[in-house]
Amino acid sequence: MNTSQTLAQMQQLRLMGMQYAYQSQLELPFSHQLEGHELVEHLIQSEITYRGNEKTALLLRTAKLRLSASIPEIECNTVRNISKQQVVLLAEGNYLKQGQNILITGAAVKVS
């Protein structure tokens, strides 16, 4: 089986993460391409990441949020009494893994 058949089968099976990762491996010089178990591991991890990202994107679309926000957009300063370190700590989500709740209080910022 050649690489184009493999890519076509990945697309047919809807393994888009694997397909993209395999294509990027094929574009590398032969001496830099992964082999054997490392390649399989890379392809599987790429598929898991791709599916996770697609699920997140779908959930965000179906949530129909009025405003979009992301971690880098949070204003961290002394006036708001929040630091970058606190935001990074919250973004790691350890409180979720430990089953803890958080409460964030304060005035909301009006967006124009």
PDB file of N, CA and C in Angstrom:
ATOM      1  N   MET A   1       0.850  -1.175   0.000  1.00  0.00           N
ATOM      2  CA  MET A   1       0.000   0.000   0.000  1.00  0.00           C
ATOM      3  C   MET A   1       0.896   1.239   0.000  1.00  0.00           C
ATOM      4  N   ASN A   2       0.576   2.183  -0.845  1.00  0.00           N
ATOM      5  CA  ASN A   2       1.373   3.408  -0.887  1.00  0.00           C
ATOM      6  C   ASN A   2       0.754   4.487  -0.003  1.00  0.00           C
ATOM      7  N   THR A   3       1.483   5.576   0.126  1.00  0.00           N
ATOM      8  CA  THR A   3       1.056   6.623   1.061  1.00  0.00           C
ATOM      9  C   THR A   3      -0.248   7.286   0.654  1.00  0.00           C
ATOM     10  N   SER A   4      -0.486   7.456  -0.641  1.00  0.00           N
ATOM     11  CA  SER A   4      -1.735   8.099  -1.057  1.00  0.00           C
ATOM     12  C   SER A   4      -2.930   7.211  -0.726  1.00  0.00           C
ATOM     13  N   GLN A   5      -2.783   5.890  -0.828  1.00  0.00           N
ATOM     14  CA  GLN A   5      -3.865   4.992  -0.437  1.00  0.00           C
ATOM     15  C   GLN A   5      -4.102   5.053   1.075  1.00  0.00           C
ATOM     16  N   THR A   6      -3.020   5.122   1.827  1.00  0.00           N
ATOM     17  CA  THR A   6      -3.133   5.217   3.280  1.00  0.00           C
ATOM     18  C   THR A   6      -3.853   6.500   3.673  1.00  0.00           C
ATOM     19  N   LEU A   7      -3.486   7.615   3.050  1.00  0.00           N
ATOM     20  CA  LEU A   7      -4.141   8.891   3.341  1.00  0.00           C
ATOM     21  C   LEU A   7      -5.619   8.843   2.960  1.00  0.00           C
ATOM     22  N   ALA A   8      -5.929   8.208   1.833  1.00  0.00           N
ATOM     23  CA  ALA A   8      -7.323   8.091   1.396  1.00  0.00           C
ATOM     24  C   ALA A   8      -8.133   7.248   2.375  1.00  0.00           C
ATOM     25  N   GLN A   9      -7.529   6.180   2.885  1.00  0.00           N
ATOM     26  CA  GLN A   9      -8.228   5.340   3.851  1.00  0.00           C
ATOM     27  C   GLN A   9      -8.435   6.069   5.176  1.00  0.00           C
ATOM     28  N   MET A  10      -7.460   6.854   5.586  1.00  0.00           N
ATOM     29  CA  MET A  10      -7.622   7.650   6.799  1.00  0.00           C
ATOM     30  C   MET A  10      -8.768   8.628   6.638  1.00  0.00           C
ATOM     31  N   GLN A  11      -8.867   9.226   5.454  1.00  0.00           N
ATOM     32  CA  GLN A  11      -9.959  10.171   5.193  1.00  0.00           C
ATOM     33  C   GLN A  11     -11.289   9.430   5.164  1.00  0.00           C
ATOM     34  N   GLN A  12     -11.316   8.258   4.538  1.00  0.00           N
ATOM     35  CA  GLN A  12     -12.541   7.459   4.475  1.00  0.00           C
ATOM     36  C   GLN A  12     -13.018   7.068   5.873  1.00  0.00           C
ATOM     37  N   LEU A  13     -12.084   6.759   6.761  1.00  0.00           N
ATOM     38  CA  LEU A  13     -12.416   6.376   8.127  1.00  0.00           C
ATOM     39  C   LEU A  13     -12.617   7.592   9.047  1.00  0.00           C
ATOM     40  N   ARG A  14     -12.504   8.771   8.480  1.00  0.00           N
ATOM     41  CA  ARG A  14     -12.647  10.030   9.212  1.00  0.00           C
ATOM     42  C   ARG A  14     -11.627  10.153  10.336  1.00  0.00           C
ATOM     43  N   LEU A  15     -10.411   9.772  10.050  1.00  0.00           N
ATOM     44  CA  LEU A  15      -9.299   9.925  10.986  1.00  0.00           C
ATOM     45  C   LEU A  15      -8.494  11.150  10.557  1.00  0.00           C
ATOM     46  N   MET A  16      -9.139  12.305  10.637  1.00  0.00           N
ATOM     47  CA  MET A  16      -8.549  13.526  10.103  1.00  0.00           C
ATOM     48  C   MET A  16      -7.294  13.941  10.862  1.00  0.00           C
ATOM     49  N   GLY A  17      -7.284  13.767  12.171  1.00  0.00           N
ATOM     50  CA  GLY A  17      -6.092  14.100  12.952  1.00  0.00           C
ATOM     51  C   GLY A  17      -4.902  13.262  12.514  1.00  0.00           C
ATOM     52  N   MET A  18      -5.153  11.974  12.308  1.00  0.00           N
ATOM     53  CA  MET A  18      -4.082  11.095  11.836  1.00  0.00           C
ATOM     54  C   MET A  18      -3.641  11.476  10.429  1.00  0.00           C
ATOM     55  N   GLN A  19      -4.605  11.795   9.595  1.00  0.00           N
ATOM     56  CA  GLN A  19      -4.288  12.154   8.212  1.00  0.00           C
ATOM     57  C   GLN A  19      -3.398  13.392   8.164  1.00  0.00           C
ATOM     58  N   TYR A  20      -3.758  14.422   8.904  1.00  0.00           N
ATOM     59  CA  TYR A  20      -2.953  15.640   8.917  1.00  0.00           C
ATOM     60  C   TYR A  20      -1.549  15.381   9.477  1.00  0.00           C
ATOM     61  N   ALA A  21      -1.480  14.577  10.539  1.00  0.00           N
ATOM     62  CA  ALA A  21      -0.188  14.272  11.151  1.00  0.00           C
ATOM     63  C   ALA A  21       0.675  13.451  10.203  1.00  0.00           C
ATOM     64  N   TYR A  22       0.056  12.499   9.508  1.00  0.00           N
ATOM     65  CA  TYR A  22       0.806  11.658   8.565  1.00  0.00           C
ATOM     66  C   TYR A  22       1.311  12.493   7.385  1.00  0.00           C
ATOM     67  N   GLN A  23       0.455  13.384   6.891  1.00  0.00           N
ATOM     68  CA  GLN A  23       0.878  14.270   5.797  1.00  0.00           C
ATOM     69  C   GLN A  23       2.063  15.130   6.226  1.00  0.00           C
ATOM     70  N   SER A  24       2.015  15.651   7.456  1.00  0.00           N
ATOM     71  CA  SER A  24       3.125  16.494   7.919  1.00  0.00           C
ATOM     72  C   SER A  24       4.397  15.665   8.084  1.00  0.00           C
ATOM     73  N   GLN A  25       4.273  14.404   8.475  1.00  0.00           N
ATOM     74  CA  GLN A  25       5.444  13.527   8.575  1.00  0.00           C
ATOM     75  C   GLN A  25       6.048  13.272   7.202  1.00  0.00           C
ATOM     76  N   LEU A  26       5.190  13.091   6.203  1.00  0.00           N
ATOM     77  CA  LEU A  26       5.672  12.818   4.853  1.00  0.00           C
ATOM     78  C   LEU A  26       6.394  14.021   4.245  1.00  0.00           C
ATOM     79  N   GLU A  27       6.049  15.211   4.706  1.00  0.00           N
ATOM     80  CA  GLU A  27       6.684  16.425   4.190  1.00  0.00           C
ATOM     81  C   GLU A  27       8.071  16.661   4.783  1.00  0.00           C
ATOM     82  N   LEU A  28       8.376  15.978   5.882  1.00  0.00           N
ATOM     83  CA  LEU A  28       9.697  16.110   6.513  1.00  0.00           C
ATOM     84  C   LEU A  28      10.747  15.355   5.712  1.00  0.00           C
ATOM     85  N   PRO A  29      12.004  15.762   5.820  1.00  0.00           N
ATOM     86  CA  PRO A  29      13.065  14.968   5.206  1.00  0.00           C
ATOM     87  C   PRO A  29      13.037  13.551   5.790  1.00  0.00           C
ATOM     88  N   PHE A  30      13.384  12.571   4.994  1.00  0.00           N
ATOM     89  CA  PHE A  30      13.299  11.174   5.411  1.00  0.00           C
ATOM     90  C   PHE A  30      14.034  10.915   6.722  1.00  0.00           C
ATOM     91  N   SER A  31      15.152  11.587   6.917  1.00  0.00           N
ATOM     92  CA  SER A  31      15.956  11.361   8.125  1.00  0.00           C
ATOM     93  C   SER A  31      15.268  11.897   9.390  1.00  0.00           C
ATOM     94  N   HIS A  32      14.265  12.780   9.230  1.00  0.00           N
ATOM     95  CA  HIS A  32      13.574  13.369  10.379  1.00  0.00           C
ATOM     96  C   HIS A  32      12.209  12.725  10.629  1.00  0.00           C
ATOM     97  N   GLN A  33      11.787  11.814   9.775  1.00  0.00           N
ATOM     98  CA  GLN A  33      10.485  11.176   9.939  1.00  0.00           C
ATOM     99  C   GLN A  33      10.524  10.151  11.067  1.00  0.00           C
ATOM    100  N   LEU A  34       9.418  10.045  11.774  1.00  0.00           N
ATOM    101  CA  LEU A  34       9.297   9.058  12.842  1.00  0.00           C
ATOM    102  C   LEU A  34       9.133   7.669  12.233  1.00  0.00           C
ATOM    103  N   GLU A  35       9.512   6.659  12.999  1.00  0.00           N
ATOM    104  CA  GLU A  35       9.396   5.289  12.518  1.00  0.00           C
ATOM    105  C   GLU A  35       8.653   4.427  13.522  1.00  0.00           C
ATOM    106  N   GLY A  36       8.066   3.373  13.031  1.00  0.00           N
ATOM    107  CA  GLY A  36       7.484   2.316  13.853  1.00  0.00           C
ATOM    108  C   GLY A  36       6.565   2.807  14.952  1.00  0.00           C
ATOM    109  N   HIS A  37       6.868   2.386  16.158  1.00  0.00           N
ATOM    110  CA  HIS A  37       6.025   2.685  17.311  1.00  0.00           C
ATOM    111  C   HIS A  37       5.903   4.183  17.565  1.00  0.00           C
ATOM    112  N   GLU A  38       6.973   4.927  17.330  1.00  0.00           N
ATOM    113  CA  GLU A  38       6.904   6.382  17.537  1.00  0.00           C
ATOM    114  C   GLU A  38       5.909   7.021  16.579  1.00  0.00           C
ATOM    115  N   LEU A  39       5.882   6.554  15.333  1.00  0.00           N
ATOM    116  CA  LEU A  39       4.947   7.088  14.355  1.00  0.00           C
ATOM    117  C   LEU A  39       3.517   6.747  14.743  1.00  0.00           C
ATOM    118  N   VAL A  40       3.280   5.510  15.138  1.00  0.00           N
ATOM    119  CA  VAL A  40       1.935   5.097  15.550  1.00  0.00           C
ATOM    120  C   VAL A  40       1.478   5.919  16.750  1.00  0.00           C
ATOM    121  N   GLU A  41       2.362   6.077  17.728  1.00  0.00           N
ATOM    122  CA  GLU A  41       2.034   6.876  18.907  1.00  0.00           C
ATOM    123  C   GLU A  41       1.694   8.309  18.520  1.00  0.00           C
ATOM    124  N   HIS A  42       2.488   8.893  17.631  1.00  0.00           N
ATOM    125  CA  HIS A  42       2.267  10.271  17.175  1.00  0.00           C
ATOM    126  C   HIS A  42       0.925  10.388  16.449  1.00  0.00           C
ATOM    127  N   LEU A  43       0.605   9.429  15.591  1.00  0.00           N
ATOM    128  CA  LEU A  43      -0.645   9.479  14.842  1.00  0.00           C
ATOM    129  C   LEU A  43      -1.850   9.344  15.769  1.00  0.00           C
ATOM    130  N   ILE A  44      -1.770   8.443  16.725  1.00  0.00           N
ATOM    131  CA  ILE A  44      -2.881   8.264  17.667  1.00  0.00           C
ATOM    132  C   ILE A  44      -3.066   9.504  18.526  1.00  0.00           C
ATOM    133  N   GLN A  45      -1.963  10.056  19.034  1.00  0.00           N
ATOM    134  CA  GLN A  45      -2.059  11.265  19.852  1.00  0.00           C
ATOM    135  C   GLN A  45      -2.610  12.432  19.037  1.00  0.00           C
ATOM    136  N   SER A  46      -2.229  12.522  17.778  1.00  0.00           N
ATOM    137  CA  SER A  46      -2.742  13.586  16.912  1.00  0.00           C
ATOM    138  C   SER A  46      -4.245  13.441  16.711  1.00  0.00           C
ATOM    139  N   GLU A  47      -4.714  12.219  16.561  1.00  0.00           N
ATOM    140  CA  GLU A  47      -6.147  11.984  16.390  1.00  0.00           C
ATOM    141  C   GLU A  47      -6.910  12.343  17.659  1.00  0.00           C
ATOM    142  N   ILE A  48      -6.378  11.987  18.807  1.00  0.00           N
ATOM    143  CA  ILE A  48      -7.016  12.329  20.084  1.00  0.00           C
ATOM    144  C   ILE A  48      -7.099  13.845  20.249  1.00  0.00           C
ATOM    145  N   THR A  49      -6.016  14.533  19.949  1.00  0.00           N
ATOM    146  CA  THR A  49      -5.991  15.997  20.046  1.00  0.00           C
ATOM    147  C   THR A  49      -6.982  16.625  19.079  1.00  0.00           C
ATOM    148  N   TYR A  50      -7.002  16.136  17.839  1.00  0.00           N
ATOM    149  CA  TYR A  50      -7.910  16.658  16.824  1.00  0.00           C
ATOM    150  C   TYR A  50      -9.366  16.500  17.265  1.00  0.00           C
ATOM    151  N   ARG A  51      -9.711  15.318  17.752  1.00  0.00           N
ATOM    152  CA  ARG A  51     -11.089  15.077  18.176  1.00  0.00           C
ATOM    153  C   ARG A  51     -11.464  15.932  19.384  1.00  0.00           C
ATOM    154  N   GLY A  52     -10.534  16.111  20.295  1.00  0.00           N
ATOM    155  CA  GLY A  52     -10.796  16.984  21.439  1.00  0.00           C
ATOM    156  C   GLY A  52     -11.040  18.412  21.013  1.00  0.00           C
ATOM    157  N   ASN A  53     -10.233  18.895  20.083  1.00  0.00           N
ATOM    158  CA  ASN A  53     -10.403  20.265  19.579  1.00  0.00           C
ATOM    159  C   ASN A  53     -11.722  20.420  18.827  1.00  0.00           C
ATOM    160  N   GLU A  54     -12.083  19.416  18.028  1.00  0.00           N
ATOM    161  CA  GLU A  54     -13.343  19.467  17.290  1.00  0.00           C
ATOM    162  C   GLU A  54     -14.536  19.455  18.245  1.00  0.00           C
ATOM    163  N   LYS A  55     -14.454  18.656  19.310  1.00  0.00           N
ATOM    164  CA  LYS A  55     -15.540  18.606  20.289  1.00  0.00           C
ATOM    165  C   LYS A  55     -15.686  19.940  20.992  1.00  0.00           C
ATOM    166  N   THR A  56     -14.569  20.541  21.369  1.00  0.00           N
ATOM    167  CA  THR A  56     -14.609  21.853  22.019  1.00  0.00           C
ATOM    168  C   THR A  56     -15.220  22.897  21.091  1.00  0.00           C
ATOM    169  N   ALA A  57     -14.817  22.877  19.827  1.00  0.00           N
ATOM    170  CA  ALA A  57     -15.361  23.839  18.861  1.00  0.00           C
ATOM    171  C   ALA A  57     -16.860  23.639  18.689  1.00  0.00           C
ATOM    172  N   LEU A  58     -17.310  22.396  18.634  1.00  0.00           N
ATOM    173  CA  LEU A  58     -18.737  22.119  18.498  1.00  0.00           C
ATOM    174  C   LEU A  58     -19.507  22.603  19.724  1.00  0.00           C
ATOM    175  N   LEU A  59     -18.985  22.333  20.898  1.00  0.00           N
ATOM    176  CA  LEU A  59     -19.653  22.777  22.126  1.00  0.00           C
ATOM    177  C   LEU A  59     -19.727  24.295  22.199  1.00  0.00           C
ATOM    178  N   LEU A  60     -18.675  24.975  21.771  1.00  0.00           N
ATOM    179  CA  LEU A  60     -18.707  26.443  21.773  1.00  0.00           C
ATOM    180  C   LEU A  60     -19.726  26.981  20.778  1.00  0.00           C
ATOM    181  N   ARG A  61     -19.814  26.331  19.612  1.00  0.00           N
ATOM    182  CA  ARG A  61     -20.806  26.775  18.615  1.00  0.00           C
ATOM    183  C   ARG A  61     -22.225  26.552  19.118  1.00  0.00           C
ATOM    184  N   THR A  62     -22.487  25.412  19.717  1.00  0.00           N
ATOM    185  CA  THR A  62     -23.838  25.112  20.174  1.00  0.00           C
ATOM    186  C   THR A  62     -24.211  25.875  21.444  1.00  0.00           C
ATOM    187  N   ALA A  63     -23.214  26.365  22.182  1.00  0.00           N
ATOM    188  CA  ALA A  63     -23.491  27.149  23.388  1.00  0.00           C
ATOM    189  C   ALA A  63     -24.097  28.495  23.044  1.00  0.00           C
ATOM    190  N   LYS A  64     -23.841  28.987  21.858  1.00  0.00           N
ATOM    191  CA  LYS A  64     -24.379  30.270  21.388  1.00  0.00           C
ATOM    192  C   LYS A  64     -24.099  31.394  22.380  1.00  0.00           C
ATOM    193  N   LEU A  65     -22.851  31.473  22.803  1.00  0.00           N
ATOM    194  CA  LEU A  65     -22.452  32.521  23.742  1.00  0.00           C
ATOM    195  C   LEU A  65     -22.541  33.886  23.069  1.00  0.00           C
ATOM    196  N   ARG A  66     -22.997  34.875  23.798  1.00  0.00           N
ATOM    197  CA  ARG A  66     -23.108  36.219  23.239  1.00  0.00           C
ATOM    198  C   ARG A  66     -21.736  36.815  22.946  1.00  0.00           C
ATOM    199  N   LEU A  67     -20.792  36.559  23.818  1.00  0.00           N
ATOM    200  CA  LEU A  67     -19.446  37.098  23.655  1.00  0.00           C
ATOM    201  C   LEU A  67     -18.447  35.957  23.723  1.00  0.00           C
ATOM    202  N   SER A  68     -17.401  36.056  22.935  1.00  0.00           N
ATOM    203  CA  SER A  68     -16.352  35.047  23.031  1.00  0.00           C
ATOM    204  C   SER A  68     -15.232  35.595  23.913  1.00  0.00           C
ATOM    205  N   ALA A  69     -14.610  34.728  24.640  1.00  0.00           N
ATOM    206  CA  ALA A  69     -13.503  35.130  25.510  1.00  0.00           C
ATOM    207  C   ALA A  69     -12.507  33.991  25.575  1.00  0.00           C
ATOM    208  N   SER A  70     -11.276  34.349  25.805  1.00  0.00           N
ATOM    209  CA  SER A  70     -10.246  33.336  25.961  1.00  0.00           C
ATOM    210  C   SER A  70      -9.285  33.784  27.058  1.00  0.00           C
ATOM    211  N   ILE A  71      -8.499  32.853  27.526  1.00  0.00           N
ATOM    212  CA  ILE A  71      -7.567  33.122  28.629  1.00  0.00           C
ATOM    213  C   ILE A  71      -6.639  34.304  28.311  1.00  0.00           C
ATOM    214  N   PRO A  72      -6.048  34.395  27.132  1.00  0.00           N
ATOM    215  CA  PRO A  72      -5.150  35.524  26.865  1.00  0.00           C
ATOM    216  C   PRO A  72      -5.844  36.895  26.880  1.00  0.00           C
ATOM    217  N   GLU A  73      -7.169  36.913  26.718  1.00  0.00           N
ATOM    218  CA  GLU A  73      -7.906  38.181  26.684  1.00  0.00           C
ATOM    219  C   GLU A  73      -8.218  38.732  28.072  1.00  0.00           C
ATOM    220  N   ILE A  74      -7.987  37.953  29.117  1.00  0.00           N
ATOM    221  CA  ILE A  74      -8.291  38.412  30.472  1.00  0.00           C
ATOM    222  C   ILE A  74      -7.320  39.510  30.876  1.00  0.00           C
ATOM    223  N   GLU A  75      -7.873  40.617  31.333  1.00  0.00           N
ATOM    224  CA  GLU A  75      -7.039  41.736  31.775  1.00  0.00           C
ATOM    225  C   GLU A  75      -6.568  41.474  33.204  1.00  0.00           C
ATOM    226  N   CYS A  76      -5.276  41.339  33.369  1.00  0.00           N
ATOM    227  CA  CYS A  76      -4.699  41.091  34.688  1.00  0.00           C
ATOM    228  C   CYS A  76      -3.973  42.354  35.149  1.00  0.00           C
ATOM    229  N   ASN A  77      -4.453  42.933  36.242  1.00  0.00           N
ATOM    230  CA  ASN A  77      -3.792  44.114  36.785  1.00  0.00           C
ATOM    231  C   ASN A  77      -4.184  44.272  38.252  1.00  0.00           C
ATOM    232  N   THR A  78      -3.548  45.209  38.897  1.00  0.00           N
ATOM    233  CA  THR A  78      -3.803  45.414  40.326  1.00  0.00           C
ATOM    234  C   THR A  78      -5.195  45.997  40.582  1.00  0.00           C
ATOM    235  N   VAL A  79      -5.710  46.769  39.655  1.00  0.00           N
ATOM    236  CA  VAL A  79      -7.047  47.342  39.810  1.00  0.00           C
ATOM    237  C   VAL A  79      -8.089  46.222  39.875  1.00  0.00           C
ATOM    238  N   ARG A  80      -7.925  45.211  39.056  1.00  0.00           N
ATOM    239  CA  ARG A  80      -8.858  44.082  39.036  1.00  0.00           C
ATOM    240  C   ARG A  80      -8.497  43.042  40.085  1.00  0.00           C
ATOM    241  N   ASN A  81      -7.350  43.206  40.729  1.00  0.00           N
ATOM    242  CA  ASN A  81      -6.890  42.316  41.798  1.00  0.00           C
ATOM    243  C   ASN A  81      -6.744  40.862  41.318  1.00  0.00           C
ATOM    244  N   ILE A  82      -6.193  40.706  40.125  1.00  0.00           N
ATOM    245  CA  ILE A  82      -5.928  39.368  39.607  1.00  0.00           C
ATOM    246  C   ILE A  82      -4.597  39.386  38.854  1.00  0.00           C
ATOM    247  N   SER A  83      -3.810  38.357  39.067  1.00  0.00           N
ATOM    248  CA  SER A  83      -2.497  38.296  38.422  1.00  0.00           C
ATOM    249  C   SER A  83      -2.498  37.225  37.334  1.00  0.00           C
ATOM    250  N   LYS A  84      -1.517  37.295  36.465  1.00  0.00           N
ATOM    251  CA  LYS A  84      -1.356  36.287  35.409  1.00  0.00           C
ATOM    252  C   LYS A  84      -1.172  34.902  36.016  1.00  0.00           C
ATOM    253  N   GLN A  85      -0.444  34.840  37.136  1.00  0.00           N
ATOM    254  CA  GLN A  85      -0.211  33.552  37.790  1.00  0.00           C
ATOM    255  C   GLN A  85      -1.531  32.928  38.252  1.00  0.00           C
ATOM    256  N   GLN A  86      -2.438  33.727  38.783  1.00  0.00           N
ATOM    257  CA  GLN A  86      -3.731  33.213  39.227  1.00  0.00           C
ATOM    258  C   GLN A  86      -4.536  32.693  38.035  1.00  0.00           C
ATOM    259  N   VAL A  87      -4.491  33.430  36.939  1.00  0.00           N
ATOM    260  CA  VAL A  87      -5.225  33.016  35.745  1.00  0.00           C
ATOM    261  C   VAL A  87      -4.658  31.715  35.196  1.00  0.00           C
ATOM    262  N   VAL A  88      -3.339  31.606  35.150  1.00  0.00           N
ATOM    263  CA  VAL A  88      -2.705  30.382  34.654  1.00  0.00           C
ATOM    264  C   VAL A  88      -3.069  29.205  35.547  1.00  0.00           C
ATOM    265  N   LEU A  89      -3.070  29.429  36.846  1.00  0.00           N
ATOM    266  CA  LEU A  89      -3.420  28.375  37.792  1.00  0.00           C
ATOM    267  C   LEU A  89      -4.863  27.907  37.575  1.00  0.00           C
ATOM    268  N   LEU A  90      -5.774  28.841  37.380  1.00  0.00           N
ATOM    269  CA  LEU A  90      -7.167  28.480  37.106  1.00  0.00           C
ATOM    270  C   LEU A  90      -7.309  27.772  35.765  1.00  0.00           C
ATOM    271  N   ALA A  91      -6.539  28.204  34.773  1.00  0.00           N
ATOM    272  CA  ALA A  91      -6.624  27.618  33.437  1.00  0.00           C
ATOM    273  C   ALA A  91      -6.148  26.167  33.416  1.00  0.00           C
ATOM    274  N   GLU A  92      -5.265  25.808  34.332  1.00  0.00           N
ATOM    275  CA  GLU A  92      -4.800  24.424  34.398  1.00  0.00           C
ATOM    276  C   GLU A  92      -5.931  23.473  34.761  1.00  0.00           C
ATOM    277  N   GLY A  93      -6.925  23.960  35.488  1.00  0.00           N
ATOM    278  CA  GLY A  93      -8.106  23.168  35.806  1.00  0.00           C
ATOM    279  C   GLY A  93      -7.925  22.121  36.881  1.00  0.00           C
ATOM    280  N   ASN A  94      -6.903  22.267  37.708  1.00  0.00           N
ATOM    281  CA  ASN A  94      -6.689  21.290  38.777  1.00  0.00           C
ATOM    282  C   ASN A  94      -7.874  21.222  39.738  1.00  0.00           C
ATOM    283  N   TYR A  95      -8.564  22.339  39.920  1.00  0.00           N
ATOM    284  CA  TYR A  95      -9.727  22.350  40.804  1.00  0.00           C
ATOM    285  C   TYR A  95     -10.823  21.434  40.266  1.00  0.00           C
ATOM    286  N   LEU A  96     -10.913  21.300  38.958  1.00  0.00           N
ATOM    287  CA  LEU A  96     -11.896  20.386  38.364  1.00  0.00           C
ATOM    288  C   LEU A  96     -11.528  18.935  38.633  1.00  0.00           C
ATOM    289  N   LYS A  97     -10.247  18.624  38.456  1.00  0.00           N
ATOM    290  CA  LYS A  97      -9.776  17.256  38.680  1.00  0.00           C
ATOM    291  C   LYS A  97      -9.957  16.837  40.132  1.00  0.00           C
ATOM    292  N   GLN A  98      -9.877  17.805  41.042  1.00  0.00           N
ATOM    293  CA  GLN A  98     -10.002  17.528  42.467  1.00  0.00           C
ATOM    294  C   GLN A  98     -11.448  17.660  42.961  1.00  0.00           C
ATOM    295  N   GLY A  99     -12.368  18.003  42.061  1.00  0.00           N
ATOM    296  CA  GLY A  99     -13.771  18.133  42.420  1.00  0.00           C
ATOM    297  C   GLY A  99     -14.059  19.330  43.302  1.00  0.00           C
ATOM    298  N   GLN A 100     -13.251  20.392  43.177  1.00  0.00           N
ATOM    299  CA  GLN A 100     -13.439  21.591  43.979  1.00  0.00           C
ATOM    300  C   GLN A 100     -14.199  22.645  43.177  1.00  0.00           C
ATOM    301  N   ASN A 101     -14.855  23.516  43.901  1.00  0.00           N
ATOM    302  CA  ASN A 101     -15.565  24.635  43.286  1.00  0.00           C
ATOM    303  C   ASN A 101     -14.732  25.898  43.427  1.00  0.00           C
ATOM    304  N   ILE A 102     -14.974  26.844  42.529  1.00  0.00           N
ATOM    305  CA  ILE A 102     -14.370  28.169  42.670  1.00  0.00           C
ATOM    306  C   ILE A 102     -15.487  29.196  42.578  1.00  0.00           C
ATOM    307  N   LEU A 103     -15.267  30.318  43.206  1.00  0.00           N
ATOM    308  CA  LEU A 103     -16.226  31.407  43.163  1.00  0.00           C
ATOM    309  C   LEU A 103     -15.465  32.668  42.775  1.00  0.00           C
ATOM    310  N   ILE A 104     -15.898  33.273  41.689  1.00  0.00           N
ATOM    311  CA  ILE A 104     -15.268  34.500  41.217  1.00  0.00           C
ATOM    312  C   ILE A 104     -16.270  35.617  41.404  1.00  0.00           C
ATOM    313  N   THR A 105     -15.860  36.657  42.120  1.00  0.00           N
ATOM    314  CA  THR A 105     -16.753  37.772  42.397  1.00  0.00           C
ATOM    315  C   THR A 105     -16.149  39.058  41.858  1.00  0.00           C
ATOM    316  N   GLY A 106     -16.960  40.020  41.712  1.00  0.00           N
ATOM    317  CA  GLY A 106     -16.474  41.323  41.275  1.00  0.00           C
ATOM    318  C   GLY A 106     -17.349  41.874  40.172  1.00  0.00           C
ATOM    319  N   ALA A 107     -17.101  43.108  39.842  1.00  0.00           N
ATOM    320  CA  ALA A 107     -17.885  43.775  38.812  1.00  0.00           C
ATOM    321  C   ALA A 107     -17.512  43.231  37.441  1.00  0.00           C
ATOM    322  N   ALA A 108     -18.513  43.113  36.602  1.00  0.00           N
ATOM    323  CA  ALA A 108     -18.266  42.696  35.218  1.00  0.00           C
ATOM    324  C   ALA A 108     -17.834  43.914  34.414  1.00  0.00           C
ATOM    325  N   VAL A 109     -17.030  43.689  33.418  1.00  0.00           N
ATOM    326  CA  VAL A 109     -16.584  44.774  32.562  1.00  0.00           C
ATOM    327  C   VAL A 109     -17.560  44.894  31.397  1.00  0.00           C
ATOM    328  N   LYS A 110     -18.030  46.111  31.171  1.00  0.00           N
ATOM    329  CA  LYS A 110     -18.959  46.325  30.066  1.00  0.00           C
ATOM    330  C   LYS A 110     -18.194  46.392  28.753  1.00  0.00           C
ATOM    331  N   VAL A 111     -18.648  45.605  27.800  1.00  0.00           N
ATOM    332  CA  VAL A 111     -18.032  45.580  26.476  1.00  0.00           C
ATOM    333  C   VAL A 111     -18.873  46.415  25.546  1.00  0.00           C
ATOM    334  N   SER A 112     -18.218  47.319  24.830  1.00  0.00           N
ATOM    335  CA  SER A 112     -18.955  48.199  23.914  1.00  0.00           C
ATOM    336  C   SER A 112     -18.978  47.638  22.527  1.00  0.00           C
TER     337      SER A 112
END
